[in-house]
Each structure stands twice: as structure tokens, then as C-alpha cells.
C-alpha atoms as a PDB file:
ATOM      1  CA  UNK A   1     -92.713-116.741-139.753  1.00  0.00           C
ATOM      2  CA  UNK A   2     -91.759-115.778-136.261  1.00  0.00           C
ATOM      3  CA  UNK A   3     -91.259-118.469-133.740  1.00  0.00           C
ATOM      4  CA  UNK A   4     -93.428-118.385-130.643  1.00  0.00           C
ATOM      5  CA  UNK A   5     -91.456-117.683-127.472  1.00  0.00           C
ATOM      6  CA  UNK A   6     -91.939-118.967-123.989  1.00  0.00           C
ATOM      7  CA  UNK A   7     -91.944-116.206-121.246  1.00  0.00           C
ATOM      8  CA  UNK A   8     -88.525-114.795-120.081  1.00  0.00           C
ATOM      9  CA  UNK A   9     -86.400-117.584-118.603  1.00  0.00           C
ATOM     10  CA  UNK A  10     -84.750-117.065-115.197  1.00  0.00           C
ATOM     11  CA  UNK A  11     -81.311-117.929-116.529  1.00  0.00           C
ATOM     12  CA  UNK A  12     -81.781-115.608-119.489  1.00  0.00           C
ATOM     13  CA  UNK A  13     -80.846-118.451-121.758  1.00  0.00           C
ATOM     14  CA  UNK A  14     -82.130-117.503-125.336  1.00  0.00           C
ATOM     15  CA  UNK A  15     -82.309-121.174-126.230  1.00  0.00           C
ATOM     16  CA  UNK A  16     -84.609-121.815-123.269  1.00  0.00           C
ATOM     17  CA  UNK A  17     -87.168-119.225-124.431  1.00  0.00           C
ATOM     18  CA  UNK A  18     -87.915-121.204-127.556  1.00  0.00           C
ATOM     19  CA  UNK A  19     -90.789-123.596-126.843  1.00  0.00           C
ATOM     20  CA  UNK A  20     -90.149-127.264-126.937  1.00  0.00           C
ATOM     21  CA  UNK A  21     -92.725-127.584-129.743  1.00  0.00           C
ATOM     22  CA  UNK A  22     -90.723-125.093-131.982  1.00  0.00           C
ATOM     23  CA  UNK A  23     -87.457-126.883-131.160  1.00  0.00           C
ATOM     24  CA  UNK A  24     -88.939-130.211-132.093  1.00  0.00           C
ATOM     25  CA  UNK A  25     -90.558-128.948-135.299  1.00  0.00           C
ATOM     26  CA  UNK A  26     -87.323-127.162-136.317  1.00  0.00           C
ATOM     27  CA  UNK A  27     -85.226-130.334-135.940  1.00  0.00           C
ATOM     28  CA  UNK A  28     -87.917-132.447-137.700  1.00  0.00           C
ATOM     29  CA  UNK A  29     -87.927-130.008-140.578  1.00  0.00           C
ATOM     30  CA  UNK A  30     -83.976-130.154-140.829  1.00  0.00           C
ATOM     31  CA  UNK A  31     -84.109-134.001-140.776  1.00  0.00           C
ATOM     32  CA  UNK A  32     -87.049-134.241-143.234  1.00  0.00           C
ATOM     33  CA  UNK A  33     -85.578-131.674-145.688  1.00  0.00           C
ATOM     34  CA  UNK A  34     -81.857-132.454-145.520  1.00  0.00           C
ATOM     35  CA  UNK A  35     -82.045-134.440-148.836  1.00  0.00           C
ATOM     36  CA  UNK A  36     -83.204-131.239-150.608  1.00  0.00           C
ATOM     37  CA  UNK A  37     -79.889-129.393-149.753  1.00  0.00           C
ATOM     38  CA  UNK A  38     -76.324-129.975-150.603  1.00  0.00           C
ATOM     39  CA  UNK A  39     -75.381-130.488-146.909  1.00  0.00           C
ATOM     40  CA  UNK A  40     -76.952-130.699-143.520  1.00  0.00           C
ATOM     41  CA  UNK A  41     -75.578-127.327-142.620  1.00  0.00           C
ATOM     42  CA  UNK A  42     -77.397-125.811-145.496  1.00  0.00           C
ATOM     43  CA  UNK A  43     -80.679-127.343-144.422  1.00  0.00           C
ATOM     44  CA  UNK A  44     -80.043-126.101-140.880  1.00  0.00           C
ATOM     45  CA  UNK A  45     -79.410-122.537-142.122  1.00  0.00           C
ATOM     46  CA  UNK A  46     -82.479-122.460-144.118  1.00  0.00           C
ATOM     47  CA  UNK A  47     -84.716-123.800-141.327  1.00  0.00           C
ATOM     48  CA  UNK A  48     -83.087-121.512-138.679  1.00  0.00           C
ATOM     49  CA  UNK A  49     -83.988-118.499-140.753  1.00  0.00           C
ATOM     50  CA  UNK A  50     -87.545-119.658-140.993  1.00  0.00           C
ATOM     51  CA  UNK A  51     -88.064-120.320-137.214  1.00  0.00           C
ATOM     52  CA  UNK A  52     -85.981-117.259-136.116  1.00  0.00           C
ATOM     53  CA  UNK A  53     -83.245-119.009-134.211  1.00  0.00           C
ATOM     54  CA  UNK A  54     -79.483-119.051-134.886  1.00  0.00           C
ATOM     55  CA  UNK A  55     -78.131-121.614-137.159  1.00  0.00           C
ATOM     56  CA  UNK A  56     -75.656-122.690-134.489  1.00  0.00           C
ATOM     57  CA  UNK A  57     -78.515-123.130-131.985  1.00  0.00           C
ATOM     58  CA  UNK A  58     -80.433-125.300-134.382  1.00  0.00           C
ATOM     59  CA  UNK A  59     -77.267-127.203-135.134  1.00  0.00           C
ATOM     60  CA  UNK A  60     -76.783-128.132-131.481  1.00  0.00           C
ATOM     61  CA  UNK A  61     -80.455-129.197-131.239  1.00  0.00           C
ATOM     62  CA  UNK A  62     -80.129-131.506-134.318  1.00  0.00           C
ATOM     63  CA  UNK A  63     -76.890-132.978-132.929  1.00  0.00           C
ATOM     64  CA  UNK A  64     -78.441-133.721-129.584  1.00  0.00           C
ATOM     65  CA  UNK A  65     -81.477-135.412-131.274  1.00  0.00           C
ATOM     66  CA  UNK A  66     -78.954-137.513-133.333  1.00  0.00           C
ATOM     67  CA  UNK A  67     -77.073-138.434-130.157  1.00  0.00           C
ATOM     68  CA  UNK A  68     -80.431-139.285-128.313  1.00  0.00           C
ATOM     69  CA  UNK A  69     -81.345-141.566-131.266  1.00  0.00           C
ATOM     70  CA  UNK A  70     -77.951-143.298-131.123  1.00  0.00           C
ATOM     71  CA  UNK A  71     -76.924-142.041-134.633  1.00  0.00           C
ATOM     72  CA  UNK A  72     -74.069-140.031-133.244  1.00  0.00           C
ATOM     73  CA  UNK A  73     -71.758-140.678-130.148  1.00  0.00           C
ATOM     74  CA  UNK A  74     -72.092-138.611-127.129  1.00  0.00           C
ATOM     75  CA  UNK A  75     -74.125-138.137-123.925  1.00  0.00           C
ATOM     76  CA  UNK A  76     -77.782-138.428-124.383  1.00  0.00           C
ATOM     77  CA  UNK A  77     -80.153-135.786-122.934  1.00  0.00           C
ATOM     78  CA  UNK A  78     -81.086-138.185-120.226  1.00  0.00           C
ATOM     79  CA  UNK A  79     -77.474-138.785-119.313  1.00  0.00           C
ATOM     80  CA  UNK A  80     -76.673-135.095-119.321  1.00  0.00           C
ATOM     81  CA  UNK A  81     -79.608-134.395-116.917  1.00  0.00           C
ATOM     82  CA  UNK A  82     -78.598-137.169-114.599  1.00  0.00           C
ATOM     83  CA  UNK A  83     -75.059-135.821-114.537  1.00  0.00           C
ATOM     84  CA  UNK A  84     -76.292-132.363-113.731  1.00  0.00           C
ATOM     85  CA  UNK A  85     -78.352-133.725-110.957  1.00  0.00           C
ATOM     86  CA  UNK A  86     -75.545-135.663-109.501  1.00  0.00           C
ATOM     87  CA  UNK A  87     -73.161-132.834-109.676  1.00  0.00           C
ATOM     88  CA  UNK A  88     -75.728-130.703-107.731  1.00  0.00           C
ATOM     89  CA  UNK A  89     -76.112-133.397-105.284  1.00  0.00           C
ATOM     90  CA  UNK A  90     -72.263-133.800-104.753  1.00  0.00           C
ATOM     91  CA  UNK A  91     -72.015-130.108-104.212  1.00  0.00           C
ATOM     92  CA  UNK A  92     -74.737-130.133-101.664  1.00  0.00           C
ATOM     93  CA  UNK A  93     -73.211-133.073 -99.886  1.00  0.00           C
ATOM     94  CA  UNK A  94     -69.875-131.387 -99.925  1.00  0.00           C
ATOM     95  CA  UNK A  95     -71.399-128.062 -98.375  1.00  0.00           C
ATOM     96  CA  UNK A  96     -73.094-130.220 -95.664  1.00  0.00           C
ATOM     97  CA  UNK A  97     -69.838-132.079 -94.922  1.00  0.00           C
ATOM     98  CA  UNK A  98     -68.006-128.828 -94.395  1.00  0.00           C
ATOM     99  CA  UNK A  99     -70.632-127.602 -91.961  1.00  0.00           C
ATOM    100  CA  UNK A 100     -70.363-131.010 -90.064  1.00  0.00           C
ATOM    101  CA  UNK A 101     -66.654-130.689 -89.968  1.00  0.00           C
ATOM    102  CA  UNK A 102     -66.814-127.062 -88.504  1.00  0.00           C
ATOM    103  CA  UNK A 103     -69.512-128.137 -86.048  1.00  0.00           C
ATOM    104  CA  UNK A 104     -67.441-131.169 -85.016  1.00  0.00           C
ATOM    105  CA  UNK A 105     -64.369-129.085 -84.407  1.00  0.00           C
ATOM    106  CA  UNK A 106     -66.371-126.412 -82.517  1.00  0.00           C
ATOM    107  CA  UNK A 107     -67.886-129.028 -80.183  1.00  0.00           C
ATOM    108  CA  UNK A 108     -64.600-130.849 -79.842  1.00  0.00           C
ATOM    109  CA  UNK A 109     -62.933-127.569 -78.537  1.00  0.00           C
ATOM    110  CA  UNK A 110     -65.928-126.863 -76.135  1.00  0.00           C
ATOM    111  CA  UNK A 111     -65.816-130.403 -74.713  1.00  0.00           C
ATOM    112  CA  UNK A 112     -61.988-130.966 -74.565  1.00  0.00           C
ATOM    113  CA  UNK A 113     -60.525-128.597 -71.832  1.00  0.00           C
ATOM    114  CA  UNK A 114     -56.986-129.283 -73.410  1.00  0.00           C
ATOM    115  CA  UNK A 115     -57.925-127.482 -76.666  1.00  0.00           C
ATOM    116  CA  UNK A 116     -57.972-123.754 -76.767  1.00  0.00           C
ATOM    117  CA  UNK A 117     -61.402-122.129 -76.867  1.00  0.00           C
ATOM    118  CA  UNK A 118     -62.501-119.578 -79.576  1.00  0.00           C
END
């Protein structure tokens, strides 16, 4: 059974090319069938082969669902997204700050006859 794929992702992230529906179903299958295997890893390997994703990718999805459910320590998906957003915002503010510093220095030189002009 081949997993349906979403159109090519801009970042070329293979994980992002698998639809959310396939991810959710694959994780659900692992969690439902784990008792039928000797380990969770064995269940992950079995399901990964059926949905055409790597075992490691599926393991990461399962771990994230466990974190989101509070069954495992770590940053939830929501917290990770918020952290990414805040890091982007900080980077943008730092760029804006550098521009303002440069503009301030430029105008200070232009307005102060004691400072050398460029």
C-alpha cells in the first residue's frame, strides 16, 4: 500500500510530503498495534513499511504524539511552533535594529559638523 503524497514541498522535506492524514493514521496504527509486537520499535518498523515511510520518521512522529499527549517529556508541537515563530520575530527585530543603528549613525554624521562625512 503506497502512501498518498502531498505535492512537492518548497523546503524539499520528505516528511512534509506525507499528508497529515497518513501521518495521523500511521501513528494511530502503531499505538493500536503495539501490544501485538515485542516492542514499540517492531510495531513502528512494521507500520512504516506498510505506509512507505522510514521507520525513523515514523518513530519521530510517534514520539511527538506522545509528548503532545503528556506521556513523554519534551516540547509539544504547539510549543515548538511558538518557539520557531518567536525566533523568526527576534531575527526580524534584530535586522530592523541594525538598520536603525546604521540610519542613526548616518544622520548623526550628516547633522553634526564635527563628525567626518562619508
